[in-house]
Amino acid sequence: MTGPLDSFGRSINYLRISVTDRCNLRCIYCIPPEGVPQMPHSAILSYEEIQTIVRASAELGINKVRLTGGEPLVRAELPKLVRMLSQIEGIEELSLTTNGVFLKKYALELKQAGLSRTNVSLDTLKPDKFRYITRLGELKTVLEGIEAAKEAGFEPVKINTVVMRGINEDEVLDFARMTRENGWHVRFIELMPFKGVAEFVPSIELQQHISLLGKLEPCPDSIGISGNGPAIYYRLTGAKGTIGFINPITETSFCSRCNRMRLTPDGKLRPCLLREDEIDLKMPLRNNASIEVLKSLIVKAVASKPQHHHLKGGNIRLVNRKMSQIGG
């Protein structure tokens, strides 16, 4: 079963849910040095409210759910939510994006609760640079979390790396080598052009650089790593792991494959990450709206999805919410 179609014929079958705006790190491209005012707990959706929205979404044909933040594992009892969502009929894949700091502690419990996959955000393999990019935390903790996820049975564990010119572009080959040496599945992400952070590095430039290690061979979707997402995957000859490229800035057809909606911690459904349009689901929920009403609001949000974002040509028009408040 496919999800509802938007106005441009795209099947929307994927819901990203930000369960909290709080995070235990302060990554330079996500949270400004002064921090972000936190939402009051009363404004954030309860697990039962999230469950209701996911049930309504599943009845429409949305079958993939990803939990994000902020950092989702800072929210108390997250495995409880995983268990609640994994039991909803129609949800075929339930995944998590995390910074990995608490992954060692929770990996096995998350797996037992029904989590399908996990992605770890990691932008450097150097401890001092890790502290610079995240402003907090220790690289060792994240690496231990990645190993704990593998031991718990998560396969593949994807590594999300945002490449920033002059900051971590010199480590691209190191990450690529990890696909050979450790079987990592690394995805290089073009930095969205937010003011005051860094310059993004085009994926084509990364591919040319990585080719110094050997030929990049296209990977078929059948190997089970695509997750129906935006990355285009390759593999170095002889590598167990893969190298993916997520190119929201330079790939002209990027938005044509968009299959997702985003739910903010305070219950706003966003048809596009980089547009201000939102449809409120929290107020109807708290006014005892029926599942049918919620489904009609979700269909309305799907119908309002734009054809594409507006990042081309160096356009850096910013959205009002910070990335930690949207879920990325």
C-alpha atoms as a PDB file:
ATOM      1  CA  MET A   1       0.000   0.000   0.000  1.00  0.00           C
ATOM      2  CA  THR A   2       1.349   3.389  -0.937  1.00  0.00           C
ATOM      3  CA  GLY A   3       0.795   6.623   0.906  1.00  0.00           C
ATOM      4  CA  PRO A   4      -1.434   9.484  -0.231  1.00  0.00           C
ATOM      5  CA  LEU A   5      -0.391  11.308  -3.388  1.00  0.00           C
ATOM      6  CA  ASP A   6       0.534  14.974  -3.300  1.00  0.00           C
ATOM      7  CA  SER A   7      -0.349  17.498  -6.004  1.00  0.00           C
ATOM      8  CA  PHE A   8       2.674  16.433  -8.069  1.00  0.00           C
ATOM      9  CA  GLY A   9       1.992  12.693  -8.012  1.00  0.00           C
ATOM     10  CA  ARG A  10       4.531  11.825  -5.318  1.00  0.00           C
ATOM     11  CA  SER A  11       3.529   9.046  -2.935  1.00  0.00           C
ATOM     12  CA  ILE A  12       3.984  10.263   0.654  1.00  0.00           C
ATOM     13  CA  ASN A  13       4.608   7.199   2.804  1.00  0.00           C
ATOM     14  CA  TYR A  14       7.187   8.445   5.313  1.00  0.00           C
ATOM     15  CA  LEU A  15       6.634  10.469   8.506  1.00  0.00           C
ATOM     16  CA  ARG A  16       9.514  11.959  10.490  1.00  0.00           C
ATOM     17  CA  ILE A  17       8.526  12.681  14.082  1.00  0.00           C
ATOM     18  CA  SER A  18      10.548  15.025  16.264  1.00  0.00           C
ATOM     19  CA  VAL A  19       9.823  13.835  19.794  1.00  0.00           C
ATOM     20  CA  THR A  20      11.691  16.660  21.546  1.00  0.00           C
ATOM     21  CA  ASP A  21      13.394  19.978  20.848  1.00  0.00           C
ATOM     22  CA  ARG A  22      16.023  19.255  23.494  1.00  0.00           C
ATOM     23  CA  CYS A  23      19.515  17.967  22.798  1.00  0.00           C
ATOM     24  CA  ASN A  24      22.599  17.065  24.806  1.00  0.00           C
ATOM     25  CA  LEU A  25      24.906  18.484  22.097  1.00  0.00           C
ATOM     26  CA  ARG A  26      25.112  21.923  20.464  1.00  0.00           C
ATOM     27  CA  CYS A  27      26.193  21.209  16.885  1.00  0.00           C
ATOM     28  CA  ILE A  28      27.248  24.355  15.069  1.00  0.00           C
ATOM     29  CA  TYR A  29      24.799  23.910  12.168  1.00  0.00           C
ATOM     30  CA  CYS A  30      21.837  23.009  14.359  1.00  0.00           C
ATOM     31  CA  ILE A  31      21.814  25.151  17.507  1.00  0.00           C
ATOM     32  CA  PRO A  32      23.300  28.661  17.871  1.00  0.00           C
ATOM     33  CA  PRO A  33      25.866  29.258  20.662  1.00  0.00           C
ATOM     34  CA  GLU A  34      23.287  31.059  22.796  1.00  0.00           C
ATOM     35  CA  GLY A  35      20.946  28.087  22.549  1.00  0.00           C
ATOM     36  CA  VAL A  36      17.259  28.015  21.639  1.00  0.00           C
ATOM     37  CA  PRO A  37      14.336  28.725  24.001  1.00  0.00           C
ATOM     38  CA  GLN A  38      12.900  25.356  24.970  1.00  0.00           C
ATOM     39  CA  MET A  39       9.280  24.470  24.498  1.00  0.00           C
ATOM     40  CA  PRO A  40       7.388  23.908  27.753  1.00  0.00           C
ATOM     41  CA  HIS A  41       6.677  20.245  28.392  1.00  0.00           C
ATOM     42  CA  SER A  42       2.942  20.930  28.181  1.00  0.00           C
ATOM     43  CA  ALA A  43       3.382  22.066  24.563  1.00  0.00           C
ATOM     44  CA  ILE A  44       5.061  18.835  23.452  1.00  0.00           C
ATOM     45  CA  LEU A  45       2.993  15.920  22.219  1.00  0.00           C
ATOM     46  CA  SER A  46       2.553  13.034  24.622  1.00  0.00           C
ATOM     47  CA  TYR A  47       3.427   9.517  23.533  1.00  0.00           C
ATOM     48  CA  GLU A  48      -0.287   8.710  23.348  1.00  0.00           C
ATOM     49  CA  GLU A  49      -0.871  11.697  21.053  1.00  0.00           C
ATOM     50  CA  ILE A  50       2.005  10.648  18.801  1.00  0.00           C
ATOM     51  CA  GLN A  51       0.584   7.135  18.711  1.00  0.00           C
ATOM     52  CA  THR A  52      -2.802   8.468  17.593  1.00  0.00           C
ATOM     53  CA  ILE A  53      -1.241  10.534  14.785  1.00  0.00           C
ATOM     54  CA  VAL A  54       0.781   7.552  13.590  1.00  0.00           C
ATOM     55  CA  ARG A  55      -2.308   5.352  13.629  1.00  0.00           C
ATOM     56  CA  ALA A  56      -4.164   7.893  11.488  1.00  0.00           C
ATOM     57  CA  SER A  57      -1.158   8.139   9.165  1.00  0.00           C
ATOM     58  CA  ALA A  58      -0.924   4.369   8.837  1.00  0.00           C
ATOM     59  CA  GLU A  59      -4.582   4.169   7.833  1.00  0.00           C
ATOM     60  CA  LEU A  60      -3.723   6.529   4.961  1.00  0.00           C
ATOM     61  CA  GLY A  61      -0.887   4.292   3.784  1.00  0.00           C
ATOM     62  CA  ILE A  62       2.089   5.940   5.488  1.00  0.00           C
ATOM     63  CA  ASN A  63       4.192   2.940   6.442  1.00  0.00           C
ATOM     64  CA  LYS A  64       7.568   4.350   7.462  1.00  0.00           C
ATOM     65  CA  VAL A  65       8.206   6.355  10.632  1.00  0.00           C
ATOM     66  CA  ARG A  66      11.453   7.884  11.870  1.00  0.00           C
ATOM     67  CA  LEU A  67      11.952   9.333  15.354  1.00  0.00           C
ATOM     68  CA  THR A  68      14.179  12.398  15.532  1.00  0.00           C
ATOM     69  CA  GLY A  69      14.791  15.405  17.775  1.00  0.00           C
ATOM     70  CA  GLY A  70      16.601  17.453  19.024  1.00  0.00           C
ATOM     71  CA  GLU A  71      18.078  14.256  20.341  1.00  0.00           C
ATOM     72  CA  PRO A  72      15.295  11.680  20.719  1.00  0.00           C
ATOM     73  CA  LEU A  73      17.109   9.651  23.373  1.00  0.00           C
ATOM     74  CA  VAL A  74      17.067  12.535  25.844  1.00  0.00           C
ATOM     75  CA  ARG A  75      13.307  12.113  26.115  1.00  0.00           C
ATOM     76  CA  ALA A  76      12.389   9.838  29.005  1.00  0.00           C
ATOM     77  CA  GLU A  77      11.346   6.269  28.239  1.00  0.00           C
ATOM     78  CA  LEU A  78      11.725   6.510  24.475  1.00  0.00           C
ATOM     79  CA  PRO A  79      11.705   2.689  24.132  1.00  0.00           C
ATOM     80  CA  LYS A  80       8.135   2.855  25.452  1.00  0.00           C
ATOM     81  CA  LEU A  81       7.137   4.983  22.454  1.00  0.00           C
ATOM     82  CA  VAL A  82       8.994   2.645  20.104  1.00  0.00           C
ATOM     83  CA  ARG A  83       6.998  -0.275  21.482  1.00  0.00           C
ATOM     84  CA  MET A  84       3.725   1.633  21.096  1.00  0.00           C
ATOM     85  CA  LEU A  85       4.420   2.568  17.473  1.00  0.00           C
ATOM     86  CA  SER A  86       5.867  -0.780  16.422  1.00  0.00           C
ATOM     87  CA  GLN A  87       2.545  -2.437  17.234  1.00  0.00           C
ATOM     88  CA  ILE A  88       0.493  -0.213  14.921  1.00  0.00           C
ATOM     89  CA  GLU A  89      -0.863  -2.132  11.940  1.00  0.00           C
ATOM     90  CA  GLY A  90       0.583  -0.868   8.681  1.00  0.00           C
ATOM     91  CA  ILE A  91       3.864   0.500  10.051  1.00  0.00           C
ATOM     92  CA  GLU A  92       6.494  -1.553   8.266  1.00  0.00           C
ATOM     93  CA  GLU A  93       9.612   0.348   9.304  1.00  0.00           C
ATOM     94  CA  LEU A  94      10.330   2.277  12.486  1.00  0.00           C
ATOM     95  CA  SER A  95      13.723   3.952  12.657  1.00  0.00           C
ATOM     96  CA  LEU A  96      15.674   6.457  14.739  1.00  0.00           C
ATOM     97  CA  THR A  97      18.193   9.227  14.072  1.00  0.00           C
ATOM     98  CA  THR A  98      20.477   9.907  17.033  1.00  0.00           C
ATOM     99  CA  ASN A  99      23.747  11.616  17.852  1.00  0.00           C
ATOM    100  CA  GLY A 100      24.813   8.321  19.420  1.00  0.00           C
ATOM    101  CA  VAL A 101      25.711   9.627  22.872  1.00  0.00           C
ATOM    102  CA  PHE A 102      23.098   7.436  24.621  1.00  0.00           C
ATOM    103  CA  LEU A 103      23.050   4.646  22.058  1.00  0.00           C
ATOM    104  CA  LYS A 104      25.275   2.311  24.065  1.00  0.00           C
ATOM    105  CA  LYS A 105      22.813   2.534  26.950  1.00  0.00           C
ATOM    106  CA  TYR A 106      19.631   2.051  24.927  1.00  0.00           C
ATOM    107  CA  ALA A 107      20.536   0.064  21.781  1.00  0.00           C
ATOM    108  CA  LEU A 108      19.446  -3.357  22.989  1.00  0.00           C
ATOM    109  CA  GLU A 109      16.273  -2.066  24.656  1.00  0.00           C
ATOM    110  CA  LEU A 110      15.315  -0.206  21.471  1.00  0.00           C
ATOM    111  CA  LYS A 111      15.847  -3.324  19.392  1.00  0.00           C
ATOM    112  CA  GLN A 112      13.719  -5.387  21.749  1.00  0.00           C
ATOM    113  CA  ALA A 113      10.998  -2.725  21.652  1.00  0.00           C
ATOM    114  CA  GLY A 114      10.704  -3.089  17.879  1.00  0.00           C
ATOM    115  CA  LEU A 115      13.006  -0.465  16.357  1.00  0.00           C
ATOM    116  CA  SER A 116      13.982  -1.454  12.806  1.00  0.00           C
ATOM    117  CA  ARG A 117      17.015   0.710  12.059  1.00  0.00           C
ATOM    118  CA  THR A 118      19.135   3.513  13.460  1.00  0.00           C
ATOM    119  CA  ASN A 119      21.154   6.327  11.896  1.00  0.00           C
ATOM    120  CA  VAL A 120      23.976   8.024  13.781  1.00  0.00           C
ATOM    121  CA  SER A 121      24.981  11.624  13.066  1.00  0.00           C
ATOM    122  CA  LEU A 122      28.786  11.853  13.124  1.00  0.00           C
ATOM    123  CA  ASP A 123      30.767  14.575  11.366  1.00  0.00           C
ATOM    124  CA  THR A 124      34.321  13.807  12.421  1.00  0.00           C
ATOM    125  CA  LEU A 125      36.587  10.987  13.565  1.00  0.00           C
ATOM    126  CA  LYS A 126      38.886  13.345  15.484  1.00  0.00           C
ATOM    127  CA  PRO A 127      38.174  13.930  19.205  1.00  0.00           C
ATOM    128  CA  ASP A 128      39.209  17.586  19.252  1.00  0.00           C
ATOM    129  CA  LYS A 129      37.177  18.395  16.159  1.00  0.00           C
ATOM    130  CA  PHE A 130      34.218  16.497  17.581  1.00  0.00           C
ATOM    131  CA  ARG A 131      34.237  18.841  20.550  1.00  0.00           C
ATOM    132  CA  TYR A 132      34.478  21.847  18.221  1.00  0.00           C
ATOM    133  CA  ILE A 133      31.550  20.790  16.029  1.00  0.00           C
ATOM    134  CA  THR A 134      29.278  19.586  18.825  1.00  0.00           C
ATOM    135  CA  ARG A 135      30.539  21.999  21.519  1.00  0.00           C
ATOM    136  CA  LEU A 136      29.920  19.158  24.004  1.00  0.00           C
ATOM    137  CA  GLY A 137      30.401  15.425  24.309  1.00  0.00           C
ATOM    138  CA  GLU A 138      33.125  12.894  23.568  1.00  0.00           C
ATOM    139  CA  LEU A 139      33.758  11.057  20.309  1.00  0.00           C
ATOM    140  CA  LYS A 140      34.567   7.843  22.175  1.00  0.00           C
ATOM    141  CA  THR A 141      31.016   7.656  23.522  1.00  0.00           C
ATOM    142  CA  VAL A 142      29.501   7.838  20.040  1.00  0.00           C
ATOM    143  CA  LEU A 143      31.856   5.209  18.606  1.00  0.00           C
ATOM    144  CA  GLU A 144      30.918   2.890  21.477  1.00  0.00           C
ATOM    145  CA  GLY A 145      27.252   3.552  20.692  1.00  0.00           C
ATOM    146  CA  ILE A 146      27.749   2.561  17.048  1.00  0.00           C
ATOM    147  CA  GLU A 147      29.330  -0.726  18.109  1.00  0.00           C
ATOM    148  CA  ALA A 148      26.541  -1.336  20.636  1.00  0.00           C
ATOM    149  CA  ALA A 149      23.951  -0.830  17.896  1.00  0.00           C
ATOM    150  CA  LYS A 150      25.675  -3.425  15.721  1.00  0.00           C
ATOM    151  CA  GLU A 151      25.876  -5.861  18.631  1.00  0.00           C
ATOM    152  CA  ALA A 152      22.170  -5.344  19.310  1.00  0.00           C
ATOM    153  CA  GLY A 153      21.412  -6.496  15.765  1.00  0.00           C
ATOM    154  CA  PHE A 154      20.810  -3.240  13.920  1.00  0.00           C
ATOM    155  CA  GLU A 155      21.905  -3.651  10.322  1.00  0.00           C
ATOM    156  CA  PRO A 156      22.760  -1.492   8.649  1.00  0.00           C
ATOM    157  CA  VAL A 157      23.771   1.285  11.021  1.00  0.00           C
ATOM    158  CA  LYS A 158      24.028   4.346   8.793  1.00  0.00           C
ATOM    159  CA  ILE A 159      26.438   7.168   9.572  1.00  0.00           C
ATOM    160  CA  ASN A 160      25.233  10.643   8.556  1.00  0.00           C
ATOM    161  CA  THR A 161      28.081  13.085   7.901  1.00  0.00           C
ATOM    162  CA  VAL A 162      27.469  16.742   7.085  1.00  0.00           C
ATOM    163  CA  VAL A 163      30.486  17.986   5.133  1.00  0.00           C
ATOM    164  CA  MET A 164      31.628  21.570   5.823  1.00  0.00           C
ATOM    165  CA  ARG A 165      34.388  23.256   3.887  1.00  0.00           C
ATOM    166  CA  GLY A 166      37.359  24.134   6.020  1.00  0.00           C
ATOM    167  CA  ILE A 167      36.034  22.125   8.963  1.00  0.00           C
ATOM    168  CA  ASN A 168      35.785  18.427   8.153  1.00  0.00           C
ATOM    169  CA  GLU A 169      36.165  18.064   4.372  1.00  0.00           C
ATOM    170  CA  ASP A 170      39.687  16.757   5.011  1.00  0.00           C
ATOM    171  CA  GLU A 171      38.165  13.644   6.645  1.00  0.00           C
ATOM    172  CA  VAL A 172      36.070  12.497   3.700  1.00  0.00           C
ATOM    173  CA  LEU A 173      38.592   9.816   2.724  1.00  0.00           C
ATOM    174  CA  ASP A 174      38.812   8.635   6.336  1.00  0.00           C
ATOM    175  CA  PHE A 175      35.046   8.098   6.428  1.00  0.00           C
ATOM    176  CA  ALA A 176      35.132   6.410   3.028  1.00  0.00           C
ATOM    177  CA  ARG A 177      37.838   4.027   4.244  1.00  0.00           C
ATOM    178  CA  MET A 178      35.569   3.016   7.134  1.00  0.00           C
ATOM    179  CA  THR A 179      33.234   1.421   4.589  1.00  0.00           C
ATOM    180  CA  ARG A 180      36.060  -0.978   3.767  1.00  0.00           C
ATOM    181  CA  GLU A 181      37.680  -1.397   7.149  1.00  0.00           C
ATOM    182  CA  ASN A 182      34.600  -1.453   9.411  1.00  0.00           C
ATOM    183  CA  GLY A 183      31.708  -2.080   7.045  1.00  0.00           C
ATOM    184  CA  TRP A 184      30.153   1.314   7.808  1.00  0.00           C
ATOM    185  CA  HIS A 185      27.382   2.711   5.638  1.00  0.00           C
ATOM    186  CA  VAL A 186      28.343   6.385   5.357  1.00  0.00           C
ATOM    187  CA  ARG A 187      26.099   9.060   3.893  1.00  0.00           C
ATOM    188  CA  PHE A 188      27.629  12.431   3.034  1.00  0.00           C
ATOM    189  CA  ILE A 189      25.115  15.265   3.310  1.00  0.00           C
ATOM    190  CA  GLU A 190      25.377  18.660   1.667  1.00  0.00           C
ATOM    191  CA  LEU A 191      25.165  21.355   4.330  1.00  0.00           C
ATOM    192  CA  MET A 192      22.130  23.542   3.853  1.00  0.00           C
ATOM    193  CA  PRO A 193      23.297  27.119   3.316  1.00  0.00           C
ATOM    194  CA  PHE A 194      22.472  28.654   6.665  1.00  0.00           C
ATOM    195  CA  LYS A 195      24.197  31.919   7.458  1.00  0.00           C
ATOM    196  CA  GLY A 196      27.198  31.979   9.741  1.00  0.00           C
ATOM    197  CA  VAL A 197      27.956  28.241   9.736  1.00  0.00           C
ATOM    198  CA  ALA A 198      30.233  27.134   6.900  1.00  0.00           C
ATOM    199  CA  GLU A 199      30.324  26.622   3.149  1.00  0.00           C
ATOM    200  CA  PHE A 200      28.798  23.438   1.821  1.00  0.00           C
ATOM    201  CA  VAL A 201      30.825  21.052  -0.340  1.00  0.00           C
ATOM    202  CA  PRO A 202      29.095  19.791  -3.519  1.00  0.00           C
ATOM    203  CA  SER A 203      28.703  16.029  -3.587  1.00  0.00           C
ATOM    204  CA  ILE A 204      30.296  15.775  -7.023  1.00  0.00           C
ATOM    205  CA  GLU A 205      33.469  17.185  -5.495  1.00  0.00           C
ATOM    206  CA  LEU A 206      33.341  14.543  -2.762  1.00  0.00           C
ATOM    207  CA  GLN A 207      32.869  11.772  -5.317  1.00  0.00           C
ATOM    208  CA  GLN A 208      35.866  12.941  -7.293  1.00  0.00           C
ATOM    209  CA  HIS A 209      37.960  12.998  -4.127  1.00  0.00           C
ATOM    210  CA  ILE A 210      36.818   9.563  -2.959  1.00  0.00           C
ATOM    211  CA  SER A 211      37.659   8.104  -6.366  1.00  0.00           C
ATOM    212  CA  LEU A 212      41.301   8.373  -5.282  1.00  0.00           C
ATOM    213  CA  LEU A 213      40.555   5.268  -3.174  1.00  0.00           C
ATOM    214  CA  GLY A 214      39.112   3.338  -6.103  1.00  0.00           C
ATOM    215  CA  LYS A 215      36.096   3.133  -8.356  1.00  0.00           C
ATOM    216  CA  LEU A 216      32.689   4.023  -6.913  1.00  0.00           C
ATOM    217  CA  GLU A 217      30.252   1.395  -8.148  1.00  0.00           C
ATOM    218  CA  PRO A 218      26.506   2.167  -8.068  1.00  0.00           C
ATOM    219  CA  CYS A 219      24.559   0.066  -5.564  1.00  0.00           C
ATOM    220  CA  PRO A 220      21.170  -1.429  -6.432  1.00  0.00           C
ATOM    221  CA  ASP A 221      18.270  -0.748  -4.068  1.00  0.00           C
ATOM    222  CA  SER A 222      17.921  -4.477  -3.552  1.00  0.00           C
ATOM    223  CA  ILE A 223      20.788  -4.587  -1.073  1.00  0.00           C
ATOM    224  CA  GLY A 224      18.494  -3.102   1.585  1.00  0.00           C
ATOM    225  CA  ILE A 225      20.180   0.189   2.431  1.00  0.00           C
ATOM    226  CA  SER A 226      18.088   2.749   0.593  1.00  0.00           C
ATOM    227  CA  GLY A 227      15.242   2.905   3.079  1.00  0.00           C
ATOM    228  CA  ASN A 228      13.326   4.647   0.280  1.00  0.00           C
ATOM    229  CA  GLY A 229      15.209   7.818   1.154  1.00  0.00           C
ATOM    230  CA  PRO A 230      17.015  10.597  -0.707  1.00  0.00           C
ATOM    231  CA  ALA A 231      20.534   9.128  -0.791  1.00  0.00           C
ATOM    232  CA  ILE A 232      22.173   7.777  -3.943  1.00  0.00           C
ATOM    233  CA  TYR A 233      24.447   4.872  -2.994  1.00  0.00           C
ATOM    234  CA  TYR A 234      27.795   3.596  -4.224  1.00  0.00           C
ATOM    235  CA  ARG A 235      30.359   1.092  -3.021  1.00  0.00           C
ATOM    236  CA  LEU A 236      34.122   1.030  -3.231  1.00  0.00           C
ATOM    237  CA  THR A 237      35.404  -2.170  -4.791  1.00  0.00           C
ATOM    238  CA  GLY A 238      35.714  -4.821  -2.099  1.00  0.00           C
ATOM    239  CA  ALA A 239      33.933  -2.805   0.608  1.00  0.00           C
ATOM    240  CA  LYS A 240      31.201  -4.346   2.753  1.00  0.00           C
ATOM    241  CA  GLY A 241      29.785  -0.930   3.532  1.00  0.00           C
ATOM    242  CA  THR A 242      28.408   1.714   1.209  1.00  0.00           C
ATOM    243  CA  ILE A 243      28.813   5.415   0.491  1.00  0.00           C
ATOM    244  CA  GLY A 244      25.705   7.513  -0.011  1.00  0.00           C
ATOM    245  CA  PHE A 245      25.309  11.098  -1.140  1.00  0.00           C
ATOM    246  CA  ILE A 246      22.404  13.320  -0.118  1.00  0.00           C
ATOM    247  CA  ASN A 247      22.425  16.342  -2.425  1.00  0.00           C
ATOM    248  CA  PRO A 248      19.635  18.795  -1.582  1.00  0.00           C
ATOM    249  CA  ILE A 249      21.584  21.748  -2.984  1.00  0.00           C
ATOM    250  CA  THR A 250      23.143  20.501  -6.199  1.00  0.00           C
ATOM    251  CA  GLU A 251      20.833  17.735  -7.418  1.00  0.00           C
ATOM    252  CA  THR A 252      18.108  19.250  -9.595  1.00  0.00           C
ATOM    253  CA  SER A 253      15.799  16.240  -9.213  1.00  0.00           C
ATOM    254  CA  PHE A 254      16.223  15.943  -5.436  1.00  0.00           C
ATOM    255  CA  CYS A 255      12.716  17.081  -4.489  1.00  0.00           C
ATOM    256  CA  SER A 256      11.073  14.935  -7.156  1.00  0.00           C
ATOM    257  CA  ARG A 257      11.772  11.903  -4.925  1.00  0.00           C
ATOM    258  CA  CYS A 258      10.460  13.460  -1.719  1.00  0.00           C
ATOM    259  CA  ASN A 259       8.176  11.038   0.096  1.00  0.00           C
ATOM    260  CA  ARG A 260       8.026  12.600   3.553  1.00  0.00           C
ATOM    261  CA  MET A 261       6.253  14.817   6.019  1.00  0.00           C
ATOM    262  CA  ARG A 262       7.609  16.157   9.316  1.00  0.00           C
ATOM    263  CA  LEU A 263       5.862  16.394  12.676  1.00  0.00           C
ATOM    264  CA  THR A 264       7.335  18.916  15.106  1.00  0.00           C
ATOM    265  CA  PRO A 265       7.498  18.272  18.865  1.00  0.00           C
ATOM    266  CA  ASP A 266       4.555  20.623  19.428  1.00  0.00           C
ATOM    267  CA  GLY A 267       2.327  18.842  16.945  1.00  0.00           C
ATOM    268  CA  LYS A 268       2.702  20.852  13.722  1.00  0.00           C
ATOM    269  CA  LEU A 269       2.784  18.880  10.476  1.00  0.00           C
ATOM    270  CA  ARG A 270       5.267  20.408   8.013  1.00  0.00           C
ATOM    271  CA  PRO A 271       4.936  19.436   4.344  1.00  0.00           C
ATOM    272  CA  CYS A 272       8.479  20.720   3.627  1.00  0.00           C
ATOM    273  CA  LEU A 273      11.498  21.098   5.873  1.00  0.00           C
ATOM    274  CA  LEU A 274      12.381  24.521   4.496  1.00  0.00           C
ATOM    275  CA  ARG A 275       8.937  26.090   4.209  1.00  0.00           C
ATOM    276  CA  GLU A 276       6.977  27.758   6.994  1.00  0.00           C
ATOM    277  CA  ASP A 277       3.676  26.081   6.090  1.00  0.00           C
ATOM    278  CA  GLU A 278       2.387  24.002   8.996  1.00  0.00           C
ATOM    279  CA  ILE A 279      -0.885  22.310   9.896  1.00  0.00           C
ATOM    280  CA  ASP A 280      -1.686  22.020  13.575  1.00  0.00           C
ATOM    281  CA  LEU A 281      -2.603  18.520  14.747  1.00  0.00           C
ATOM    282  CA  LYS A 282      -2.159  19.115  18.478  1.00  0.00           C
ATOM    283  CA  MET A 283      -5.164  21.379  19.017  1.00  0.00           C
ATOM    284  CA  PRO A 284      -7.587  19.040  17.255  1.00  0.00           C
ATOM    285  CA  LEU A 285      -6.108  16.122  19.196  1.00  0.00           C
ATOM    286  CA  ARG A 286      -6.597  17.872  22.514  1.00  0.00           C
ATOM    287  CA  ASN A 287     -10.149  18.754  21.485  1.00  0.00           C
ATOM    288  CA  ASN A 288     -10.876  15.049  21.008  1.00  0.00           C
ATOM    289  CA  ALA A 289     -10.861  15.068  17.215  1.00  0.00           C
ATOM    290  CA  SER A 290     -11.678  11.734  15.625  1.00  0.00           C
ATOM    291  CA  ILE A 291      -9.213   9.676  13.616  1.00  0.00           C
ATOM    292  CA  GLU A 292     -11.137  10.665  10.493  1.00  0.00           C
ATOM    293  CA  VAL A 293     -10.620  14.368  11.235  1.00  0.00           C
ATOM    294  CA  LEU A 294      -6.908  13.799  11.777  1.00  0.00           C
ATOM    295  CA  LYS A 295      -6.694  11.877   8.508  1.00  0.00           C
ATOM    296  CA  SER A 296      -8.345  14.747   6.651  1.00  0.00           C
ATOM    297  CA  LEU A 297      -5.790  17.187   8.103  1.00  0.00           C
ATOM    298  CA  ILE A 298      -2.912  14.916   7.084  1.00  0.00           C
ATOM    299  CA  VAL A 299      -4.316  14.654   3.550  1.00  0.00           C
ATOM    300  CA  LYS A 300      -4.596  18.457   3.468  1.00  0.00           C
ATOM    301  CA  ALA A 301      -0.937  18.774   4.482  1.00  0.00           C
ATOM    302  CA  VAL A 302       0.112  16.277   1.809  1.00  0.00           C
ATOM    303  CA  ALA A 303      -1.811  18.240  -0.822  1.00  0.00           C
ATOM    304  CA  SER A 304       0.021  21.429   0.192  1.00  0.00           C
ATOM    305  CA  LYS A 305       3.530  20.025  -0.371  1.00  0.00           C
ATOM    306  CA  PRO A 306       5.483  22.337  -2.688  1.00  0.00           C
ATOM    307  CA  GLN A 307       7.093  21.001  -5.833  1.00  0.00           C
ATOM    308  CA  HIS A 308      10.577  21.876  -4.602  1.00  0.00           C
ATOM    309  CA  HIS A 309      12.505  23.835  -1.991  1.00  0.00           C
ATOM    310  CA  HIS A 310      14.170  27.191  -2.645  1.00  0.00           C
ATOM    311  CA  LEU A 311      17.818  26.546  -1.926  1.00  0.00           C
ATOM    312  CA  LYS A 312      19.037  26.731  -5.489  1.00  0.00           C
ATOM    313  CA  GLY A 313      21.202  29.623  -6.572  1.00  0.00           C
ATOM    314  CA  GLY A 314      22.566  30.378  -3.117  1.00  0.00           C
ATOM    315  CA  ASN A 315      19.161  31.351  -1.744  1.00  0.00           C
ATOM    316  CA  ILE A 316      19.593  31.343   2.044  1.00  0.00           C
ATOM    317  CA  ARG A 317      16.177  32.442   3.122  1.00  0.00           C
ATOM    318  CA  LEU A 318      15.868  30.999   6.612  1.00  0.00           C
ATOM    319  CA  VAL A 319      12.895  29.407   8.320  1.00  0.00           C
ATOM    320  CA  ASN A 320      11.821  30.696  11.715  1.00  0.00           C
ATOM    321  CA  ARG A 321      12.357  27.427  13.566  1.00  0.00           C
ATOM    322  CA  LYS A 322      15.855  26.128  14.297  1.00  0.00           C
ATOM    323  CA  MET A 323      16.724  22.626  13.096  1.00  0.00           C
ATOM    324  CA  SER A 324      16.434  21.275  16.646  1.00  0.00           C
ATOM    325  CA  GLN A 325      12.793  22.429  16.695  1.00  0.00           C
ATOM    326  CA  ILE A 326      11.854  20.809  13.376  1.00  0.00           C
ATOM    327  CA  GLY A 327      13.560  17.445  13.366  1.00  0.00           C
ATOM    328  CA  GLY A 328      15.724  17.823  10.270  1.00  0.00           C
END
